[in-house]
Amino acid sequence: MSSDSAKSIESFAVDAALLDAGKFASKHGQAFLLRALFDGVLQPTPVNERDAYKGTHKIPRLDLLVGNRLQSPEATYAYSLGDLAGPVSVGRASSNRVCIDDVSLSAQHAEIELRDDGELYVTDKGSTNGTAIGDGKLTFGNPTQVPFGKVLVFGSVKLTLLRATQFMDFVRTVTSPD
């Protein structure tokens, strides 16, 4: 069984349609990482290696996808960053708030934090395959500001950072019956 903490877009559809932004954020989180699976799958980590600090597979960086469009909401998943009251850990281990079950992620890959200035920062925690904002690779241990709407890359997994209101609009758009 996968420990991946992603939820399908459809699981947010009713609340996105019925709740105001404040109630939606209180219930589901202030920010989200959105993942579209263009190939349909992650590369799951073998169960006995998922929480281990060893076993990360060195994977060549994939070029960022250009010109691809979301074909179906069923292939789109979201990771909630929660209330952002403290640092949000990202990695392959099930102890992370954002657990991404993919062999290219380290057990404790990165951390996302809301600073006093109201901006989000991401820090690579010494991962094997690196962390990037767009195509700009981060330096280990150096917190880097990441604006909403930007693509974060953990190993070879690409996610788009959205605030709750952006995520609600996206969910409403892709799940509307029109």
C-alpha atoms as a PDB file:
ATOM      1  CA  MET A   1       0.000   0.000   0.000  1.00  0.00           C
ATOM      2  CA  SER A   2       1.313   3.417  -0.942  1.00  0.00           C
ATOM      3  CA  SER A   3       1.975   6.047   1.696  1.00  0.00           C
ATOM      4  CA  ASP A   4       1.695   8.819  -0.901  1.00  0.00           C
ATOM      5  CA  SER A   5      -0.325  11.654   0.667  1.00  0.00           C
ATOM      6  CA  ALA A   6      -1.864  12.974  -2.573  1.00  0.00           C
ATOM      7  CA  LYS A   7      -5.616  13.275  -2.973  1.00  0.00           C
ATOM      8  CA  SER A   8      -7.520  13.273  -6.232  1.00  0.00           C
ATOM      9  CA  ILE A   9      -8.933  16.557  -7.498  1.00  0.00           C
ATOM     10  CA  GLU A  10     -12.431  15.069  -7.387  1.00  0.00           C
ATOM     11  CA  SER A  11     -12.146  14.667  -3.604  1.00  0.00           C
ATOM     12  CA  PHE A  12     -12.128  18.482  -3.297  1.00  0.00           C
ATOM     13  CA  ALA A  13     -14.899  19.209  -5.832  1.00  0.00           C
ATOM     14  CA  VAL A  14     -17.891  19.429  -3.478  1.00  0.00           C
ATOM     15  CA  ASP A  15     -16.139  21.687  -0.974  1.00  0.00           C
ATOM     16  CA  ALA A  16     -14.713  23.896  -3.758  1.00  0.00           C
ATOM     17  CA  ALA A  17     -18.242  24.381  -5.073  1.00  0.00           C
ATOM     18  CA  LEU A  18     -19.957  24.963  -1.723  1.00  0.00           C
ATOM     19  CA  LEU A  19     -17.490  26.617   0.668  1.00  0.00           C
ATOM     20  CA  ASP A  20     -16.122  30.139   0.639  1.00  0.00           C
ATOM     21  CA  ALA A  21     -12.340  30.532   0.400  1.00  0.00           C
ATOM     22  CA  GLY A  22     -11.814  30.967   4.150  1.00  0.00           C
ATOM     23  CA  LYS A  23     -13.749  27.842   5.100  1.00  0.00           C
ATOM     24  CA  PHE A  24     -12.095  25.856   2.306  1.00  0.00           C
ATOM     25  CA  ALA A  25      -8.613  26.901   3.506  1.00  0.00           C
ATOM     26  CA  SER A  26      -9.509  26.115   7.133  1.00  0.00           C
ATOM     27  CA  LYS A  27     -10.697  22.652   6.177  1.00  0.00           C
ATOM     28  CA  HIS A  28      -8.125  21.665   3.546  1.00  0.00           C
ATOM     29  CA  GLY A  29      -5.116  23.983   3.921  1.00  0.00           C
ATOM     30  CA  GLN A  30      -3.744  27.367   2.886  1.00  0.00           C
ATOM     31  CA  ALA A  31      -1.634  26.103   0.000  1.00  0.00           C
ATOM     32  CA  PHE A  32      -1.386  23.088  -2.273  1.00  0.00           C
ATOM     33  CA  LEU A  33       1.111  21.331  -4.482  1.00  0.00           C
ATOM     34  CA  LEU A  34      -0.630  20.208  -7.673  1.00  0.00           C
ATOM     35  CA  ARG A  35       0.683  17.228  -9.639  1.00  0.00           C
ATOM     36  CA  ALA A  36      -0.510  16.289 -13.120  1.00  0.00           C
ATOM     37  CA  LEU A  37       0.527  12.804 -14.129  1.00  0.00           C
ATOM     38  CA  PHE A  38       1.126  13.078 -17.843  1.00  0.00           C
ATOM     39  CA  ASP A  39       2.429   9.512 -17.941  1.00  0.00           C
ATOM     40  CA  GLY A  40      -0.128   8.298 -15.386  1.00  0.00           C
ATOM     41  CA  VAL A  41       2.201   6.974 -12.676  1.00  0.00           C
ATOM     42  CA  LEU A  42       4.874   7.759 -10.144  1.00  0.00           C
ATOM     43  CA  GLN A  43       7.827   5.413  -9.711  1.00  0.00           C
ATOM     44  CA  PRO A  44       6.935   3.899  -6.305  1.00  0.00           C
ATOM     45  CA  THR A  45       9.670   3.180  -3.827  1.00  0.00           C
ATOM     46  CA  PRO A  46      10.009  -0.455  -2.704  1.00  0.00           C
ATOM     47  CA  VAL A  47       8.140  -0.750   0.619  1.00  0.00           C
ATOM     48  CA  ASN A  48      11.227  -1.789   2.588  1.00  0.00           C
ATOM     49  CA  GLU A  49      13.082   1.360   1.427  1.00  0.00           C
ATOM     50  CA  ARG A  50      10.323   3.978   1.730  1.00  0.00           C
ATOM     51  CA  ASP A  51      11.248   5.285   5.186  1.00  0.00           C
ATOM     52  CA  ALA A  52      14.938   4.444   4.989  1.00  0.00           C
ATOM     53  CA  TYR A  53      17.536   7.156   4.559  1.00  0.00           C
ATOM     54  CA  LYS A  54      19.228   4.943   1.988  1.00  0.00           C
ATOM     55  CA  GLY A  55      17.702   3.634  -1.177  1.00  0.00           C
ATOM     56  CA  THR A  56      17.111   6.866  -3.085  1.00  0.00           C
ATOM     57  CA  HIS A  57      17.627   6.080  -6.737  1.00  0.00           C
ATOM     58  CA  LYS A  58      19.746   8.538  -8.695  1.00  0.00           C
ATOM     59  CA  ILE A  59      17.591   9.512 -11.658  1.00  0.00           C
ATOM     60  CA  PRO A  60      18.610  11.818 -14.503  1.00  0.00           C
ATOM     61  CA  ARG A  61      16.703  15.121 -14.430  1.00  0.00           C
ATOM     62  CA  LEU A  62      13.852  15.152 -16.886  1.00  0.00           C
ATOM     63  CA  ASP A  63      13.327  18.236 -19.011  1.00  0.00           C
ATOM     64  CA  LEU A  64      10.402  20.302 -17.811  1.00  0.00           C
ATOM     65  CA  LEU A  65       7.285  19.526 -19.772  1.00  0.00           C
ATOM     66  CA  VAL A  66       6.525  22.288 -22.256  1.00  0.00           C
ATOM     67  CA  GLY A  67       3.214  22.706 -24.016  1.00  0.00           C
ATOM     68  CA  ASN A  68       1.448  19.857 -22.219  1.00  0.00           C
ATOM     69  CA  ARG A  69      -2.104  20.470 -21.079  1.00  0.00           C
ATOM     70  CA  LEU A  70      -4.129  18.688 -18.480  1.00  0.00           C
ATOM     71  CA  GLN A  71      -6.167  16.084 -20.297  1.00  0.00           C
ATOM     72  CA  SER A  72      -8.219  14.769 -17.405  1.00  0.00           C
ATOM     73  CA  PRO A  73      -8.811  15.659 -13.767  1.00  0.00           C
ATOM     74  CA  GLU A  74      -8.467  11.949 -12.913  1.00  0.00           C
ATOM     75  CA  ALA A  75      -4.744  12.296 -13.629  1.00  0.00           C
ATOM     76  CA  THR A  76      -4.332  15.292 -11.322  1.00  0.00           C
ATOM     77  CA  TYR A  77      -3.591  15.103  -7.623  1.00  0.00           C
ATOM     78  CA  ALA A  78      -3.034  17.620  -4.847  1.00  0.00           C
ATOM     79  CA  TYR A  79      -0.924  17.629  -1.720  1.00  0.00           C
ATOM     80  CA  SER A  80      -2.205  19.960   0.993  1.00  0.00           C
ATOM     81  CA  LEU A  81       0.428  21.975   2.832  1.00  0.00           C
ATOM     82  CA  GLY A  82      -2.020  22.386   5.716  1.00  0.00           C
ATOM     83  CA  ASP A  83      -2.243  25.504   7.840  1.00  0.00           C
ATOM     84  CA  LEU A  84       1.436  26.496   7.334  1.00  0.00           C
ATOM     85  CA  ALA A  85       1.811  27.119  11.081  1.00  0.00           C
ATOM     86  CA  GLY A  86       5.178  25.378  10.979  1.00  0.00           C
ATOM     87  CA  PRO A  87       7.607  23.985   8.418  1.00  0.00           C
ATOM     88  CA  VAL A  88       6.126  21.449   5.982  1.00  0.00           C
ATOM     89  CA  SER A  89       8.398  18.485   5.338  1.00  0.00           C
ATOM     90  CA  VAL A  90       8.439  16.933   1.862  1.00  0.00           C
ATOM     91  CA  GLY A  91       9.898  13.546   1.010  1.00  0.00           C
ATOM     92  CA  ARG A  92       9.381   9.862   0.449  1.00  0.00           C
ATOM     93  CA  ALA A  93       9.150   8.845   4.135  1.00  0.00           C
ATOM     94  CA  SER A  94       5.643   8.473   5.544  1.00  0.00           C
ATOM     95  CA  SER A  95       6.590  10.805   8.424  1.00  0.00           C
ATOM     96  CA  ASN A  96       6.558  13.816   6.047  1.00  0.00           C
ATOM     97  CA  ARG A  97       3.490  16.040   5.927  1.00  0.00           C
ATOM     98  CA  VAL A  98       3.796  15.809   2.140  1.00  0.00           C
ATOM     99  CA  CYS A  99       4.743  12.209   1.379  1.00  0.00           C
ATOM    100  CA  ILE A 100       5.456  11.593  -2.307  1.00  0.00           C
ATOM    101  CA  ASP A 101       6.024   7.923  -3.045  1.00  0.00           C
ATOM    102  CA  ASP A 102       8.562   8.211  -5.835  1.00  0.00           C
ATOM    103  CA  VAL A 103      12.059   6.722  -6.018  1.00  0.00           C
ATOM    104  CA  SER A 104      13.587  10.045  -7.091  1.00  0.00           C
ATOM    105  CA  LEU A 105      12.775  11.653  -3.720  1.00  0.00           C
ATOM    106  CA  SER A 106      14.925  11.284  -0.635  1.00  0.00           C
ATOM    107  CA  ALA A 107      13.307  10.200   2.628  1.00  0.00           C
ATOM    108  CA  GLN A 108      13.618  13.783   3.956  1.00  0.00           C
ATOM    109  CA  HIS A 109      13.897  15.725   0.699  1.00  0.00           C
ATOM    110  CA  ALA A 110      12.914  19.356   1.349  1.00  0.00           C
ATOM    111  CA  GLU A 111      11.025  21.724   3.604  1.00  0.00           C
ATOM    112  CA  ILE A 112       8.517  24.481   2.812  1.00  0.00           C
ATOM    113  CA  GLU A 113       8.010  27.283   5.314  1.00  0.00           C
ATOM    114  CA  LEU A 114       5.860  30.399   5.579  1.00  0.00           C
ATOM    115  CA  ARG A 115       8.051  33.231   6.849  1.00  0.00           C
ATOM    116  CA  ASP A 116       7.046  36.298   8.870  1.00  0.00           C
ATOM    117  CA  ASP A 117       7.154  38.379   5.673  1.00  0.00           C
ATOM    118  CA  GLY A 118       4.226  36.293   4.332  1.00  0.00           C
ATOM    119  CA  GLU A 119       6.334  34.584   1.660  1.00  0.00           C
ATOM    120  CA  LEU A 120       6.906  30.857   1.195  1.00  0.00           C
ATOM    121  CA  TYR A 121      10.438  29.487   1.159  1.00  0.00           C
ATOM    122  CA  VAL A 122      11.667  26.050   0.126  1.00  0.00           C
ATOM    123  CA  THR A 123      14.878  24.484   1.426  1.00  0.00           C
ATOM    124  CA  ASP A 124      16.591  21.398   0.015  1.00  0.00           C
ATOM    125  CA  LYS A 125      17.544  19.136   2.928  1.00  0.00           C
ATOM    126  CA  GLY A 126      20.490  17.453   1.180  1.00  0.00           C
ATOM    127  CA  SER A 127      18.469  15.341  -1.233  1.00  0.00           C
ATOM    128  CA  THR A 128      20.133  12.968  -3.684  1.00  0.00           C
ATOM    129  CA  ASN A 129      18.323  14.224  -6.795  1.00  0.00           C
ATOM    130  CA  GLY A 130      17.889  17.864  -5.862  1.00  0.00           C
ATOM    131  CA  THR A 131      15.131  20.438  -5.586  1.00  0.00           C
ATOM    132  CA  ALA A 132      14.400  23.175  -8.115  1.00  0.00           C
ATOM    133  CA  ILE A 133      12.075  26.100  -8.689  1.00  0.00           C
ATOM    134  CA  GLY A 134      11.338  25.850 -12.398  1.00  0.00           C
ATOM    135  CA  ASP A 135      14.695  24.994 -13.909  1.00  0.00           C
ATOM    136  CA  GLY A 136      16.706  26.771 -11.189  1.00  0.00           C
ATOM    137  CA  LYS A 137      18.298  24.169  -8.924  1.00  0.00           C
ATOM    138  CA  LEU A 138      18.426  25.043  -5.223  1.00  0.00           C
ATOM    139  CA  THR A 139      21.566  24.927  -3.126  1.00  0.00           C
ATOM    140  CA  PHE A 140      21.473  22.546  -0.147  1.00  0.00           C
ATOM    141  CA  GLY A 141      20.362  24.266   3.052  1.00  0.00           C
ATOM    142  CA  ASN A 142      19.692  27.646   1.407  1.00  0.00           C
ATOM    143  CA  PRO A 143      16.037  28.770   1.892  1.00  0.00           C
ATOM    144  CA  THR A 144      14.752  30.188  -1.401  1.00  0.00           C
ATOM    145  CA  GLN A 145      11.566  32.192  -1.898  1.00  0.00           C
ATOM    146  CA  VAL A 146       9.009  30.472  -4.115  1.00  0.00           C
ATOM    147  CA  PRO A 147       6.088  32.485  -5.520  1.00  0.00           C
ATOM    148  CA  PHE A 148       2.664  30.931  -5.884  1.00  0.00           C
ATOM    149  CA  GLY A 149       2.069  29.579  -9.383  1.00  0.00           C
ATOM    150  CA  LYS A 150       5.662  28.382  -9.807  1.00  0.00           C
ATOM    151  CA  VAL A 151       6.689  24.795 -10.525  1.00  0.00           C
ATOM    152  CA  LEU A 152       8.636  23.049  -7.775  1.00  0.00           C
ATOM    153  CA  VAL A 153      10.670  19.992  -8.751  1.00  0.00           C
ATOM    154  CA  PHE A 154      11.541  17.407  -6.098  1.00  0.00           C
ATOM    155  CA  GLY A 155      13.794  14.781  -7.710  1.00  0.00           C
ATOM    156  CA  SER A 156      11.925  14.187 -10.972  1.00  0.00           C
ATOM    157  CA  VAL A 157       8.443  15.024  -9.628  1.00  0.00           C
ATOM    158  CA  LYS A 158       7.023  18.358 -10.812  1.00  0.00           C
ATOM    159  CA  LEU A 159       4.376  20.157  -8.773  1.00  0.00           C
ATOM    160  CA  THR A 160       2.753  23.576  -9.066  1.00  0.00           C
ATOM    161  CA  LEU A 161       2.424  25.652  -5.891  1.00  0.00           C
ATOM    162  CA  LEU A 162      -1.057  27.175  -5.531  1.00  0.00           C
ATOM    163  CA  ARG A 163      -2.681  29.179  -2.756  1.00  0.00           C
ATOM    164  CA  ALA A 164      -6.085  27.883  -1.599  1.00  0.00           C
ATOM    165  CA  THR A 165      -8.062  30.355  -3.742  1.00  0.00           C
ATOM    166  CA  GLN A 166      -6.103  29.401  -6.881  1.00  0.00           C
ATOM    167  CA  PHE A 167      -6.585  25.727  -6.103  1.00  0.00           C
ATOM    168  CA  MET A 168     -10.337  26.194  -5.569  1.00  0.00           C
ATOM    169  CA  ASP A 169     -10.636  27.945  -8.948  1.00  0.00           C
ATOM    170  CA  PHE A 170      -8.687  25.142 -10.610  1.00  0.00           C
ATOM    171  CA  VAL A 171     -10.844  22.429  -9.009  1.00  0.00           C
ATOM    172  CA  ARG A 172     -14.037  24.233 -10.015  1.00  0.00           C
ATOM    173  CA  THR A 173     -12.802  24.569 -13.600  1.00  0.00           C
ATOM    174  CA  VAL A 174     -11.687  20.978 -14.153  1.00  0.00           C
ATOM    175  CA  THR A 175     -14.597  19.344 -12.327  1.00  0.00           C
ATOM    176  CA  SER A 176     -17.427  21.487 -13.710  1.00  0.00           C
ATOM    177  CA  PRO A 177     -19.897  19.537 -15.862  1.00  0.00           C
ATOM    178  CA  ASP A 178     -19.579  22.005 -18.804  1.00  0.00           C
END
